[in-house]
Amino acid sequence: MRALRERFPEVVLLWSAASFLLLLAELLLTGHTEEVQLVGVVAAGLGALAALAGLGSAGMRRAALVALALVALAGAAGAAVHLREVADEEEHEEESRPPPLAPLGLSGTALLAALAVLSRRD
């Protein structure tokens, strides 16, 4: 248990990288790859790389924080797009409407990873 406590930020960063990769896989498997939808795909890939960069040196951690902030903003922007599309009921049938808050998964994961980067001791 002590080892987990000592390496908890690193565990969270690895978990975050895996989460971003799962989000990326889901986006690709669901065909979320047209026009503005690619922002989510790119953000998920960038999030995975940034979480792994958070394991590196101080310079890498600074770059990771900037990238994670961009991913969090991309998630918030995606939620706004999804909400706008849901509000436009004529454009989508009931089952094809985008999940309105799903992009916030990117934002939450990015913020969790950023906290882990900030809490690293070395």
PDB file of N, CA and C in Angstrom:
ATOM      1  N   MET A   1       0.808  -1.191   0.000  1.00  0.00           N
ATOM      2  CA  MET A   1       0.000   0.000   0.000  1.00  0.00           C
ATOM      3  C   MET A   1       0.859   1.267   0.000  1.00  0.00           C
ATOM      4  N   ARG A   2       1.977   1.202   0.688  1.00  0.00           N
ATOM      5  CA  ARG A   2       2.869   2.362   0.757  1.00  0.00           C
ATOM      6  C   ARG A   2       3.420   2.696  -0.629  1.00  0.00           C
ATOM      7  N   ALA A   3       3.755   1.671  -1.398  1.00  0.00           N
ATOM      8  CA  ALA A   3       4.284   1.885  -2.747  1.00  0.00           C
ATOM      9  C   ALA A   3       3.251   2.579  -3.625  1.00  0.00           C
ATOM     10  N   LEU A   4       1.990   2.206  -3.473  1.00  0.00           N
ATOM     11  CA  LEU A   4       0.931   2.856  -4.255  1.00  0.00           C
ATOM     12  C   LEU A   4       0.812   4.324  -3.876  1.00  0.00           C
ATOM     13  N   ARG A   5       0.864   4.610  -2.576  1.00  0.00           N
ATOM     14  CA  ARG A   5       0.787   5.997  -2.133  1.00  0.00           C
ATOM     15  C   ARG A   5       1.944   6.824  -2.674  1.00  0.00           C
ATOM     16  N   GLU A   6       3.130   6.239  -2.686  1.00  0.00           N
ATOM     17  CA  GLU A   6       4.309   6.973  -3.154  1.00  0.00           C
ATOM     18  C   GLU A   6       4.270   7.222  -4.656  1.00  0.00           C
ATOM     19  N   ARG A   7       3.631   6.340  -5.412  1.00  0.00           N
ATOM     20  CA  ARG A   7       3.589   6.451  -6.873  1.00  0.00           C
ATOM     21  C   ARG A   7       2.204   6.779  -7.406  1.00  0.00           C
ATOM     22  N   PHE A   8       1.329   7.280  -6.546  1.00  0.00           N
ATOM     23  CA  PHE A   8      -0.050   7.512  -6.946  1.00  0.00           C
ATOM     24  C   PHE A   8      -0.183   8.451  -8.151  1.00  0.00           C
ATOM     25  N   PRO A   9       0.551   9.561  -8.223  1.00  0.00           N
ATOM     26  CA  PRO A   9       0.427  10.417  -9.416  1.00  0.00           C
ATOM     27  C   PRO A   9       0.770   9.669 -10.709  1.00  0.00           C
ATOM     28  N   GLU A  10       1.786   8.824 -10.641  1.00  0.00           N
ATOM     29  CA  GLU A  10       2.169   8.061 -11.828  1.00  0.00           C
ATOM     30  C   GLU A  10       1.086   7.060 -12.222  1.00  0.00           C
ATOM     31  N   VAL A  11       0.466   6.435 -11.211  1.00  0.00           N
ATOM     32  CA  VAL A  11      -0.630   5.491 -11.473  1.00  0.00           C
ATOM     33  C   VAL A  11      -1.795   6.227 -12.130  1.00  0.00           C
ATOM     34  N   VAL A  12      -2.122   7.403 -11.621  1.00  0.00           N
ATOM     35  CA  VAL A  12      -3.227   8.191 -12.194  1.00  0.00           C
ATOM     36  C   VAL A  12      -2.896   8.602 -13.627  1.00  0.00           C
ATOM     37  N   LEU A  13      -1.659   8.971 -13.896  1.00  0.00           N
ATOM     38  CA  LEU A  13      -1.284   9.346 -15.264  1.00  0.00           C
ATOM     39  C   LEU A  13      -1.371   8.161 -16.218  1.00  0.00           C
ATOM     40  N   LEU A  14      -0.943   6.994 -15.778  1.00  0.00           N
ATOM     41  CA  LEU A  14      -1.071   5.801 -16.628  1.00  0.00           C
ATOM     42  C   LEU A  14      -2.533   5.443 -16.856  1.00  0.00           C
ATOM     43  N   TRP A  15      -3.336   5.547 -15.809  1.00  0.00           N
ATOM     44  CA  TRP A  15      -4.768   5.276 -15.931  1.00  0.00           C
ATOM     45  C   TRP A  15      -5.409   6.287 -16.888  1.00  0.00           C
ATOM     46  N   SER A  16      -5.009   7.547 -16.781  1.00  0.00           N
ATOM     47  CA  SER A  16      -5.547   8.583 -17.663  1.00  0.00           C
ATOM     48  C   SER A  16      -5.160   8.320 -19.116  1.00  0.00           C
ATOM     49  N   ALA A  17      -3.911   7.928 -19.343  1.00  0.00           N
ATOM     50  CA  ALA A  17      -3.479   7.608 -20.708  1.00  0.00           C
ATOM     51  C   ALA A  17      -4.317   6.469 -21.273  1.00  0.00           C
ATOM     52  N   ALA A  18      -4.561   5.443 -20.465  1.00  0.00           N
ATOM     53  CA  ALA A  18      -5.392   4.322 -20.910  1.00  0.00           C
ATOM     54  C   ALA A  18      -6.822   4.784 -21.180  1.00  0.00           C
ATOM     55  N   SER A  19      -7.327   5.665 -20.354  1.00  0.00           N
ATOM     56  CA  SER A  19      -8.687   6.183 -20.544  1.00  0.00           C
ATOM     57  C   SER A  19      -8.793   6.974 -21.844  1.00  0.00           C
ATOM     58  N   PHE A  20      -7.797   7.798 -22.116  1.00  0.00           N
ATOM     59  CA  PHE A  20      -7.795   8.543 -23.380  1.00  0.00           C
ATOM     60  C   PHE A  20      -7.751   7.586 -24.572  1.00  0.00           C
ATOM     61  N   LEU A  21      -6.967   6.526 -24.454  1.00  0.00           N
ATOM     62  CA  LEU A  21      -6.892   5.554 -25.553  1.00  0.00           C
ATOM     63  C   LEU A  21      -8.236   4.843 -25.750  1.00  0.00           C
ATOM     64  N   LEU A  22      -8.935   4.548 -24.671  1.00  0.00           N
ATOM     65  CA  LEU A  22     -10.263   3.941 -24.793  1.00  0.00           C
ATOM     66  C   LEU A  22     -11.252   4.913 -25.431  1.00  0.00           C
ATOM     67  N   LEU A  23     -11.175   6.187 -25.045  1.00  0.00           N
ATOM     68  CA  LEU A  23     -12.026   7.191 -25.678  1.00  0.00           C
ATOM     69  C   LEU A  23     -11.717   7.292 -27.172  1.00  0.00           C
ATOM     70  N   LEU A  24     -10.437   7.272 -27.505  1.00  0.00           N
ATOM     71  CA  LEU A  24     -10.030   7.310 -28.904  1.00  0.00           C
ATOM     72  C   LEU A  24     -10.592   6.117 -29.663  1.00  0.00           C
ATOM     73  N   ALA A  25     -10.472   4.932 -29.089  1.00  0.00           N
ATOM     74  CA  ALA A  25     -10.995   3.727 -29.738  1.00  0.00           C
ATOM     75  C   ALA A  25     -12.503   3.834 -29.934  1.00  0.00           C
ATOM     76  N   GLU A  26     -13.208   4.322 -28.933  1.00  0.00           N
ATOM     77  CA  GLU A  26     -14.661   4.454 -29.057  1.00  0.00           C
ATOM     78  C   GLU A  26     -15.034   5.424 -30.176  1.00  0.00           C
ATOM     79  N   LEU A  27     -14.337   6.537 -30.236  1.00  0.00           N
ATOM     80  CA  LEU A  27     -14.621   7.519 -31.293  1.00  0.00           C
ATOM     81  C   LEU A  27     -14.378   6.926 -32.672  1.00  0.00           C
ATOM     82  N   LEU A  28     -13.294   6.195 -32.808  1.00  0.00           N
ATOM     83  CA  LEU A  28     -12.984   5.587 -34.109  1.00  0.00           C
ATOM     84  C   LEU A  28     -13.979   4.475 -34.453  1.00  0.00           C
ATOM     85  N   LEU A  29     -14.339   3.661 -33.475  1.00  0.00           N
ATOM     86  CA  LEU A  29     -15.265   2.557 -33.725  1.00  0.00           C
ATOM     87  C   LEU A  29     -16.679   3.029 -34.046  1.00  0.00           C
ATOM     88  N   THR A  30     -17.043   4.192 -33.548  1.00  0.00           N
ATOM     89  CA  THR A  30     -18.382   4.721 -33.818  1.00  0.00           C
ATOM     90  C   THR A  30     -18.403   5.645 -35.030  1.00  0.00           C
ATOM     91  N   GLY A  31     -17.276   5.759 -35.722  1.00  0.00           N
ATOM     92  CA  GLY A  31     -17.232   6.577 -36.928  1.00  0.00           C
ATOM     93  C   GLY A  31     -17.288   8.075 -36.667  1.00  0.00           C
ATOM     94  N   HIS A  32     -16.774   8.491 -35.545  1.00  0.00           N
ATOM     95  CA  HIS A  32     -16.756   9.907 -35.152  1.00  0.00           C
ATOM     96  C   HIS A  32     -15.572  10.587 -35.838  1.00  0.00           C
ATOM     97  N   THR A  33     -15.582  10.587 -37.177  1.00  0.00           N
ATOM     98  CA  THR A  33     -14.383  11.000 -37.923  1.00  0.00           C
ATOM     99  C   THR A  33     -14.669  11.979 -39.054  1.00  0.00           C
ATOM    100  N   GLU A  34     -15.796  12.657 -39.017  1.00  0.00           N
ATOM    101  CA  GLU A  34     -16.131  13.588 -40.092  1.00  0.00           C
ATOM    102  C   GLU A  34     -16.036  15.029 -39.614  1.00  0.00           C
ATOM    103  N   GLU A  35     -15.367  15.845 -40.395  1.00  0.00           N
ATOM    104  CA  GLU A  35     -15.266  17.290 -40.180  1.00  0.00           C
ATOM    105  C   GLU A  35     -14.915  17.640 -38.742  1.00  0.00           C
ATOM    106  N   VAL A  36     -15.787  18.371 -38.061  1.00  0.00           N
ATOM    107  CA  VAL A  36     -15.490  18.860 -36.712  1.00  0.00           C
ATOM    108  C   VAL A  36     -15.384  17.718 -35.702  1.00  0.00           C
ATOM    109  N   GLN A  37     -15.918  16.547 -36.028  1.00  0.00           N
ATOM    110  CA  GLN A  37     -15.820  15.400 -35.127  1.00  0.00           C
ATOM    111  C   GLN A  37     -14.376  14.972 -34.911  1.00  0.00           C
ATOM    112  N   LEU A  38     -13.522  15.289 -35.856  1.00  0.00           N
ATOM    113  CA  LEU A  38     -12.107  14.920 -35.724  1.00  0.00           C
ATOM    114  C   LEU A  38     -11.426  15.617 -34.555  1.00  0.00           C
ATOM    115  N   VAL A  39     -12.006  16.711 -34.085  1.00  0.00           N
ATOM    116  CA  VAL A  39     -11.426  17.397 -32.927  1.00  0.00           C
ATOM    117  C   VAL A  39     -11.380  16.446 -31.731  1.00  0.00           C
ATOM    118  N   GLY A  40     -12.432  15.688 -31.525  1.00  0.00           N
ATOM    119  CA  GLY A  40     -12.455  14.734 -30.416  1.00  0.00           C
ATOM    120  C   GLY A  40     -11.424  13.637 -30.572  1.00  0.00           C
ATOM    121  N   VAL A  41     -11.259  13.167 -31.805  1.00  0.00           N
ATOM    122  CA  VAL A  41     -10.277  12.120 -32.076  1.00  0.00           C
ATOM    123  C   VAL A  41      -8.861  12.637 -31.781  1.00  0.00           C
ATOM    124  N   VAL A  42      -8.564  13.815 -32.292  1.00  0.00           N
ATOM    125  CA  VAL A  42      -7.243  14.412 -32.065  1.00  0.00           C
ATOM    126  C   VAL A  42      -7.031  14.704 -30.582  1.00  0.00           C
ATOM    127  N   ALA A  43      -8.062  15.222 -29.927  1.00  0.00           N
ATOM    128  CA  ALA A  43      -7.941  15.545 -28.499  1.00  0.00           C
ATOM    129  C   ALA A  43      -7.690  14.292 -27.661  1.00  0.00           C
ATOM    130  N   ALA A  44      -8.351  13.192 -27.996  1.00  0.00           N
ATOM    131  CA  ALA A  44      -8.135  11.948 -27.239  1.00  0.00           C
ATOM    132  C   ALA A  44      -6.705  11.447 -27.430  1.00  0.00           C
ATOM    133  N   GLY A  45      -6.200  11.496 -28.663  1.00  0.00           N
ATOM    134  CA  GLY A  45      -4.818  11.091 -28.916  1.00  0.00           C
ATOM    135  C   GLY A  45      -3.820  11.994 -28.207  1.00  0.00           C
ATOM    136  N   LEU A  46      -4.077  13.304 -28.282  1.00  0.00           N
ATOM    137  CA  LEU A  46      -3.204  14.266 -27.602  1.00  0.00           C
ATOM    138  C   LEU A  46      -3.241  14.055 -26.093  1.00  0.00           C
ATOM    139  N   GLY A  47      -4.410  13.757 -25.555  1.00  0.00           N
ATOM    140  CA  GLY A  47      -4.528  13.509 -24.119  1.00  0.00           C
ATOM    141  C   GLY A  47      -3.701  12.319 -23.674  1.00  0.00           C
ATOM    142  N   ALA A  48      -3.729  11.241 -24.469  1.00  0.00           N
ATOM    143  CA  ALA A  48      -2.926  10.060 -24.128  1.00  0.00           C
ATOM    144  C   ALA A  48      -1.437  10.404 -24.131  1.00  0.00           C
ATOM    145  N   LEU A  49      -1.001  11.119 -25.158  1.00  0.00           N
ATOM    146  CA  LEU A  49       0.412  11.509 -25.226  1.00  0.00           C
ATOM    147  C   LEU A  49       0.789  12.455 -24.091  1.00  0.00           C
ATOM    148  N   ALA A  50      -0.105  13.390 -23.780  1.00  0.00           N
ATOM    149  CA  ALA A  50       0.181  14.351 -22.713  1.00  0.00           C
ATOM    150  C   ALA A  50       0.248  13.661 -21.354  1.00  0.00           C
ATOM    151  N   ALA A  51      -0.636  12.698 -21.114  1.00  0.00           N
ATOM    152  CA  ALA A  51      -0.592  11.977 -19.837  1.00  0.00           C
ATOM    153  C   ALA A  51       0.732  11.236 -19.691  1.00  0.00           C
ATOM    154  N   LEU A  52       1.188  10.636 -20.772  1.00  0.00           N
ATOM    155  CA  LEU A  52       2.486   9.945 -20.721  1.00  0.00           C
ATOM    156  C   LEU A  52       3.632  10.944 -20.567  1.00  0.00           C
ATOM    157  N   ALA A  53       3.524  12.101 -21.212  1.00  0.00           N
ATOM    158  CA  ALA A  53       4.557  13.139 -21.063  1.00  0.00           C
ATOM    159  C   ALA A  53       4.617  13.650 -19.630  1.00  0.00           C
ATOM    160  N   GLY A  54       3.484  13.586 -18.921  1.00  0.00           N
ATOM    161  CA  GLY A  54       3.454  14.001 -17.527  1.00  0.00           C
ATOM    162  C   GLY A  54       4.327  13.145 -16.630  1.00  0.00           C
ATOM    163  N   LEU A  55       4.743  11.989 -17.135  1.00  0.00           N
ATOM    164  CA  LEU A  55       5.651  11.120 -16.378  1.00  0.00           C
ATOM    165  C   LEU A  55       7.109  11.541 -16.524  1.00  0.00           C
ATOM    166  N   GLY A  56       7.369  12.482 -17.433  1.00  0.00           N
ATOM    167  CA  GLY A  56       8.745  12.844 -17.767  1.00  0.00           C
ATOM    168  C   GLY A  56       9.334  13.931 -16.894  1.00  0.00           C
ATOM    169  N   SER A  57      10.304  14.618 -17.474  1.00  0.00           N
ATOM    170  CA  SER A  57      11.045  15.672 -16.776  1.00  0.00           C
ATOM    171  C   SER A  57      10.157  16.890 -16.535  1.00  0.00           C
ATOM    172  N   ALA A  58      10.713  17.861 -15.825  1.00  0.00           N
ATOM    173  CA  ALA A  58       9.948  19.069 -15.501  1.00  0.00           C
ATOM    174  C   ALA A  58       9.494  19.795 -16.773  1.00  0.00           C
ATOM    175  N   GLY A  59      10.353  19.867 -17.768  1.00  0.00           N
ATOM    176  CA  GLY A  59       9.977  20.508 -19.034  1.00  0.00           C
ATOM    177  C   GLY A  59       8.860  19.764 -19.738  1.00  0.00           C
ATOM    178  N   MET A  60       8.928  18.450 -19.716  1.00  0.00           N
ATOM    179  CA  MET A  60       7.878  17.632 -20.320  1.00  0.00           C
ATOM    180  C   MET A  60       6.559  17.812 -19.559  1.00  0.00           C
ATOM    181  N   ARG A  61       6.655  17.943 -18.253  1.00  0.00           N
ATOM    182  CA  ARG A  61       5.434  18.127 -17.449  1.00  0.00           C
ATOM    183  C   ARG A  61       4.768  19.454 -17.761  1.00  0.00           C
ATOM    184  N   ARG A  62       5.564  20.499 -17.987  1.00  0.00           N
ATOM    185  CA  ARG A  62       4.976  21.794 -18.366  1.00  0.00           C
ATOM    186  C   ARG A  62       4.251  21.687 -19.701  1.00  0.00           C
ATOM    187  N   ALA A  63       4.881  21.031 -20.666  1.00  0.00           N
ATOM    188  CA  ALA A  63       4.244  20.821 -21.971  1.00  0.00           C
ATOM    189  C   ALA A  63       2.983  19.974 -21.826  1.00  0.00           C
ATOM    190  N   ALA A  64       3.033  18.972 -20.956  1.00  0.00           N
ATOM    191  CA  ALA A  64       1.873  18.117 -20.722  1.00  0.00           C
ATOM    192  C   ALA A  64       0.709  18.929 -20.168  1.00  0.00           C
ATOM    193  N   LEU A  65       0.995  19.851 -19.244  1.00  0.00           N
ATOM    194  CA  LEU A  65      -0.073  20.680 -18.668  1.00  0.00           C
ATOM    195  C   LEU A  65      -0.737  21.550 -19.725  1.00  0.00           C
ATOM    196  N   VAL A  66       0.056  22.109 -20.631  1.00  0.00           N
ATOM    197  CA  VAL A  66      -0.514  22.929 -21.711  1.00  0.00           C
ATOM    198  C   VAL A  66      -1.395  22.064 -22.604  1.00  0.00           C
ATOM    199  N   ALA A  67      -0.898  20.896 -22.980  1.00  0.00           N
ATOM    200  CA  ALA A  67      -1.665  19.998 -23.842  1.00  0.00           C
ATOM    201  C   ALA A  67      -2.944  19.534 -23.145  1.00  0.00           C
ATOM    202  N   LEU A  68      -2.863  19.220 -21.866  1.00  0.00           N
ATOM    203  CA  LEU A  68      -4.047  18.776 -21.131  1.00  0.00           C
ATOM    204  C   LEU A  68      -5.076  19.894 -21.009  1.00  0.00           C
ATOM    205  N   ALA A  69      -4.622  21.132 -20.883  1.00  0.00           N
ATOM    206  CA  ALA A  69      -5.559  22.267 -20.865  1.00  0.00           C
ATOM    207  C   ALA A  69      -6.281  22.373 -22.206  1.00  0.00           C
ATOM    208  N   LEU A  70      -5.561  22.164 -23.294  1.00  0.00           N
ATOM    209  CA  LEU A  70      -6.190  22.195 -24.621  1.00  0.00           C
ATOM    210  C   LEU A  70      -7.208  21.066 -24.779  1.00  0.00           C
ATOM    211  N   VAL A  71      -6.879  19.900 -24.271  1.00  0.00           N
ATOM    212  CA  VAL A  71      -7.810  18.767 -24.344  1.00  0.00           C
ATOM    213  C   VAL A  71      -9.072  19.073 -23.531  1.00  0.00           C
ATOM    214  N   ALA A  72      -8.901  19.654 -22.355  1.00  0.00           N
ATOM    215  CA  ALA A  72     -10.063  20.005 -21.528  1.00  0.00           C
ATOM    216  C   ALA A  72     -10.953  21.012 -22.250  1.00  0.00           C
ATOM    217  N   LEU A  73     -10.341  21.991 -22.900  1.00  0.00           N
ATOM    218  CA  LEU A  73     -11.120  22.974 -23.665  1.00  0.00           C
ATOM    219  C   LEU A  73     -11.819  22.331 -24.858  1.00  0.00           C
ATOM    220  N   ALA A  74     -11.145  21.402 -25.518  1.00  0.00           N
ATOM    221  CA  ALA A  74     -11.760  20.695 -26.646  1.00  0.00           C
ATOM    222  C   ALA A  74     -12.980  19.907 -26.182  1.00  0.00           C
ATOM    223  N   GLY A  75     -12.893  19.289 -25.016  1.00  0.00           N
ATOM    224  CA  GLY A  75     -14.041  18.561 -24.471  1.00  0.00           C
ATOM    225  C   GLY A  75     -15.210  19.487 -24.181  1.00  0.00           C
ATOM    226  N   ALA A  76     -14.926  20.646 -23.603  1.00  0.00           N
ATOM    227  CA  ALA A  76     -15.988  21.612 -23.320  1.00  0.00           C
ATOM    228  C   ALA A  76     -16.621  22.119 -24.613  1.00  0.00           C
ATOM    229  N   ALA A  77     -15.783  22.383 -25.608  1.00  0.00           N
ATOM    230  CA  ALA A  77     -16.310  22.826 -26.901  1.00  0.00           C
ATOM    231  C   ALA A  77     -17.153  21.726 -27.539  1.00  0.00           C
ATOM    232  N   GLY A  78     -16.712  20.480 -27.420  1.00  0.00           N
ATOM    233  CA  GLY A  78     -17.478  19.354 -27.945  1.00  0.00           C
ATOM    234  C   GLY A  78     -18.832  19.230 -27.274  1.00  0.00           C
ATOM    235  N   ALA A  79     -18.880  19.454 -25.975  1.00  0.00           N
ATOM    236  CA  ALA A  79     -20.157  19.401 -25.266  1.00  0.00           C
ATOM    237  C   ALA A  79     -21.097  20.488 -25.779  1.00  0.00           C
ATOM    238  N   ALA A  80     -20.547  21.668 -26.048  1.00  0.00           N
ATOM    239  CA  ALA A  80     -21.377  22.751 -26.595  1.00  0.00           C
ATOM    240  C   ALA A  80     -21.931  22.370 -27.963  1.00  0.00           C
ATOM    241  N   VAL A  81     -21.106  21.760 -28.805  1.00  0.00           N
ATOM    242  CA  VAL A  81     -21.562  21.314 -30.130  1.00  0.00           C
ATOM    243  C   VAL A  81     -22.645  20.250 -29.989  1.00  0.00           C
ATOM    244  N   HIS A  82     -22.421  19.283 -29.109  1.00  0.00           N
ATOM    245  CA  HIS A  82     -23.407  18.221 -28.905  1.00  0.00           C
ATOM    246  C   HIS A  82     -24.726  18.785 -28.389  1.00  0.00           C
ATOM    247  N   LEU A  83     -24.645  19.704 -27.442  1.00  0.00           N
ATOM    248  CA  LEU A  83     -25.863  20.305 -26.900  1.00  0.00           C
ATOM    249  C   LEU A  83     -26.624  21.071 -27.968  1.00  0.00           C
ATOM    250  N   ARG A  84     -25.896  21.776 -28.825  1.00  0.00           N
ATOM    251  CA  ARG A  84     -26.541  22.520 -29.913  1.00  0.00           C
ATOM    252  C   ARG A  84     -27.229  21.557 -30.875  1.00  0.00           C
ATOM    253  N   GLU A  85     -26.581  20.438 -31.180  1.00  0.00           N
ATOM    254  CA  GLU A  85     -27.177  19.459 -32.088  1.00  0.00           C
ATOM    255  C   GLU A  85     -28.394  18.784 -31.463  1.00  0.00           C
ATOM    256  N   VAL A  86     -28.359  18.534 -30.181  1.00  0.00           N
ATOM    257  CA  VAL A  86     -29.514  17.942 -29.499  1.00  0.00           C
ATOM    258  C   VAL A  86     -30.682  18.926 -29.511  1.00  0.00           C
ATOM    259  N   ALA A  87     -30.377  20.214 -29.326  1.00  0.00           N
ATOM    260  CA  ALA A  87     -31.428  21.233 -29.322  1.00  0.00           C
ATOM    261  C   ALA A  87     -32.083  21.361 -30.694  1.00  0.00           C
ATOM    262  N   ASP A  88     -31.341  21.077 -31.743  1.00  0.00           N
ATOM    263  CA  ASP A  88     -31.873  21.135 -33.101  1.00  0.00           C
ATOM    264  C   ASP A  88     -32.509  19.785 -33.431  1.00  0.00           C
ATOM    265  N   GLU A  89     -33.703  19.553 -32.910  1.00  0.00           N
ATOM    266  CA  GLU A  89     -34.358  18.252 -33.005  1.00  0.00           C
ATOM    267  C   GLU A  89     -34.675  17.837 -34.425  1.00  0.00           C
ATOM    268  N   GLU A  90     -34.809  18.772 -35.334  1.00  0.00           N
ATOM    269  CA  GLU A  90     -35.152  18.424 -36.710  1.00  0.00           C
ATOM    270  C   GLU A  90     -33.999  17.749 -37.442  1.00  0.00           C
ATOM    271  N   GLU A  91     -32.780  18.005 -37.011  1.00  0.00           N
ATOM    272  CA  GLU A  91     -31.599  17.499 -37.717  1.00  0.00           C
ATOM    273  C   GLU A  91     -31.349  16.014 -37.461  1.00  0.00           C
ATOM    274  N   HIS A  92     -31.738  15.521 -36.305  1.00  0.00           N
ATOM    275  CA  HIS A  92     -31.415  14.146 -35.927  1.00  0.00           C
ATOM    276  C   HIS A  92     -32.661  13.380 -35.516  1.00  0.00           C
ATOM    277  N   GLU A  93     -32.674  12.107 -35.833  1.00  0.00           N
ATOM    278  CA  GLU A  93     -33.690  11.224 -35.283  1.00  0.00           C
ATOM    279  C   GLU A  93     -33.317  10.923 -33.838  1.00  0.00           C
ATOM    280  N   GLU A  94     -34.272  10.459 -33.075  1.00  0.00           N
ATOM    281  CA  GLU A  94     -34.055  10.212 -31.646  1.00  0.00           C
ATOM    282  C   GLU A  94     -32.809   9.382 -31.365  1.00  0.00           C
ATOM    283  N   GLU A  95     -32.623   8.273 -32.088  1.00  0.00           N
ATOM    284  CA  GLU A  95     -31.495   7.389 -31.790  1.00  0.00           C
ATOM    285  C   GLU A  95     -30.164   7.870 -32.365  1.00  0.00           C
ATOM    286  N   SER A  96     -30.173   8.870 -33.239  1.00  0.00           N
ATOM    287  CA  SER A  96     -28.906   9.333 -33.820  1.00  0.00           C
ATOM    288  C   SER A  96     -28.412  10.643 -33.207  1.00  0.00           C
ATOM    289  N   ARG A  97     -29.090  11.125 -32.200  1.00  0.00           N
ATOM    290  CA  ARG A  97     -28.633  12.363 -31.544  1.00  0.00           C
ATOM    291  C   ARG A  97     -27.356  12.086 -30.764  1.00  0.00           C
ATOM    292  N   PRO A  98     -26.428  13.023 -30.783  1.00  0.00           N
ATOM    293  CA  PRO A  98     -25.184  12.803 -30.027  1.00  0.00           C
ATOM    294  C   PRO A  98     -25.446  12.899 -28.524  1.00  0.00           C
ATOM    295  N   PRO A  99     -24.724  12.114 -27.743  1.00  0.00           N
ATOM    296  CA  PRO A  99     -24.880  12.226 -26.279  1.00  0.00           C
ATOM    297  C   PRO A  99     -24.364  13.593 -25.837  1.00  0.00           C
ATOM    298  N   PRO A 100     -25.217  14.396 -25.208  1.00  0.00           N
ATOM    299  CA  PRO A 100     -24.863  15.805 -24.989  1.00  0.00           C
ATOM    300  C   PRO A 100     -23.648  16.049 -24.105  1.00  0.00           C
ATOM    301  N   LEU A 101     -23.410  15.205 -23.136  1.00  0.00           N
ATOM    302  CA  LEU A 101     -22.315  15.468 -22.203  1.00  0.00           C
ATOM    303  C   LEU A 101     -21.106  14.551 -22.402  1.00  0.00           C
ATOM    304  N   ALA A 102     -21.150  13.671 -23.376  1.00  0.00           N
ATOM    305  CA  ALA A 102     -20.059  12.718 -23.594  1.00  0.00           C
ATOM    306  C   ALA A 102     -18.689  13.383 -23.775  1.00  0.00           C
ATOM    307  N   PRO A 103     -18.590  14.501 -24.492  1.00  0.00           N
ATOM    308  CA  PRO A 103     -17.263  15.111 -24.658  1.00  0.00           C
ATOM    309  C   PRO A 103     -16.621  15.573 -23.350  1.00  0.00           C
ATOM    310  N   LEU A 104     -17.433  15.741 -22.320  1.00  0.00           N
ATOM    311  CA  LEU A 104     -16.857  16.147 -21.037  1.00  0.00           C
ATOM    312  C   LEU A 104     -16.014  15.044 -20.418  1.00  0.00           C
ATOM    313  N   GLY A 105     -16.118  13.817 -20.956  1.00  0.00           N
ATOM    314  CA  GLY A 105     -15.209  12.751 -20.538  1.00  0.00           C
ATOM    315  C   GLY A 105     -13.770  13.120 -20.841  1.00  0.00           C
ATOM    316  N   LEU A 106     -13.559  13.782 -21.977  1.00  0.00           N
ATOM    317  CA  LEU A 106     -12.218  14.282 -22.303  1.00  0.00           C
ATOM    318  C   LEU A 106     -11.777  15.331 -21.287  1.00  0.00           C
ATOM    319  N   SER A 107     -12.681  16.254 -20.975  1.00  0.00           N
ATOM    320  CA  SER A 107     -12.336  17.341 -20.044  1.00  0.00           C
ATOM    321  C   SER A 107     -12.013  16.806 -18.654  1.00  0.00           C
ATOM    322  N   GLY A 108     -12.850  15.923 -18.154  1.00  0.00           N
ATOM    323  CA  GLY A 108     -12.625  15.379 -16.816  1.00  0.00           C
ATOM    324  C   GLY A 108     -11.340  14.583 -16.722  1.00  0.00           C
ATOM    325  N   THR A 109     -11.077  13.767 -17.736  1.00  0.00           N
ATOM    326  CA  THR A 109      -9.847  12.975 -17.735  1.00  0.00           C
ATOM    327  C   THR A 109      -8.628  13.882 -17.830  1.00  0.00           C
ATOM    328  N   ALA A 110      -8.726  14.937 -18.641  1.00  0.00           N
ATOM    329  CA  ALA A 110      -7.612  15.877 -18.776  1.00  0.00           C
ATOM    330  C   ALA A 110      -7.344  16.601 -17.459  1.00  0.00           C
ATOM    331  N   LEU A 111      -8.402  17.009 -16.780  1.00  0.00           N
ATOM    332  CA  LEU A 111      -8.209  17.710 -15.506  1.00  0.00           C
ATOM    333  C   LEU A 111      -7.640  16.786 -14.435  1.00  0.00           C
ATOM    334  N   LEU A 112      -8.090  15.536 -14.412  1.00  0.00           N
ATOM    335  CA  LEU A 112      -7.534  14.556 -13.470  1.00  0.00           C
ATOM    336  C   LEU A 112      -6.048  14.337 -13.741  1.00  0.00           C
ATOM    337  N   ALA A 113      -5.691  14.187 -15.016  1.00  0.00           N
ATOM    338  CA  ALA A 113      -4.279  13.991 -15.370  1.00  0.00           C
ATOM    339  C   ALA A 113      -3.458  15.236 -15.000  1.00  0.00           C
ATOM    340  N   ALA A 114      -4.014  16.426 -15.220  1.00  0.00           N
ATOM    341  CA  ALA A 114      -3.290  17.647 -14.874  1.00  0.00           C
ATOM    342  C   ALA A 114      -3.027  17.726 -13.372  1.00  0.00           C
ATOM    343  N   LEU A 115      -4.011  17.327 -12.576  1.00  0.00           N
ATOM    344  CA  LEU A 115      -3.800  17.292 -11.122  1.00  0.00           C
ATOM    345  C   LEU A 115      -2.700  16.322 -10.740  1.00  0.00           C
ATOM    346  N   ALA A 116      -2.658  15.191 -11.440  1.00  0.00           N
ATOM    347  CA  ALA A 116      -1.601  14.211 -11.161  1.00  0.00           C
ATOM    348  C   ALA A 116      -0.237  14.776 -11.536  1.00  0.00           C
ATOM    349  N   VAL A 117      -0.165  15.479 -12.666  1.00  0.00           N
ATOM    350  CA  VAL A 117       1.114  16.108 -13.069  1.00  0.00           C
ATOM    351  C   VAL A 117       1.542  17.109 -12.007  1.00  0.00           C
ATOM    352  N   LEU A 118       0.627  17.928 -11.558  1.00  0.00           N
ATOM    353  CA  LEU A 118       0.959  18.954 -10.562  1.00  0.00           C
ATOM    354  C   LEU A 118       1.360  18.372  -9.213  1.00  0.00           C
ATOM    355  N   SER A 119       0.893  17.163  -8.911  1.00  0.00           N
ATOM    356  CA  SER A 119       1.204  16.577  -7.603  1.00  0.00           C
ATOM    357  C   SER A 119       2.478  15.732  -7.598  1.00  0.00           C
ATOM    358  N   ARG A 120       3.116  15.601  -8.752  1.00  0.00           N
ATOM    359  CA  ARG A 120       4.374  14.828  -8.770  1.00  0.00           C
ATOM    360  C   ARG A 120       5.437  15.546  -7.959  1.00  0.00           C
ATOM    361  N   ARG A 121       6.211  14.801  -7.217  1.00  0.00           N
ATOM    362  CA  ARG A 121       7.211  15.390  -6.310  1.00  0.00           C
ATOM    363  C   ARG A 121       8.567  15.604  -6.951  1.00  0.00           C
ATOM    364  N   ASP A 122       8.937  14.758  -7.914  1.00  0.00           N
ATOM    365  CA  ASP A 122      10.299  14.860  -8.456  1.00  0.00           C
ATOM    366  C   ASP A 122      10.362  15.744  -9.671  1.00  0.00           C
TER     367      ASP A 122
END
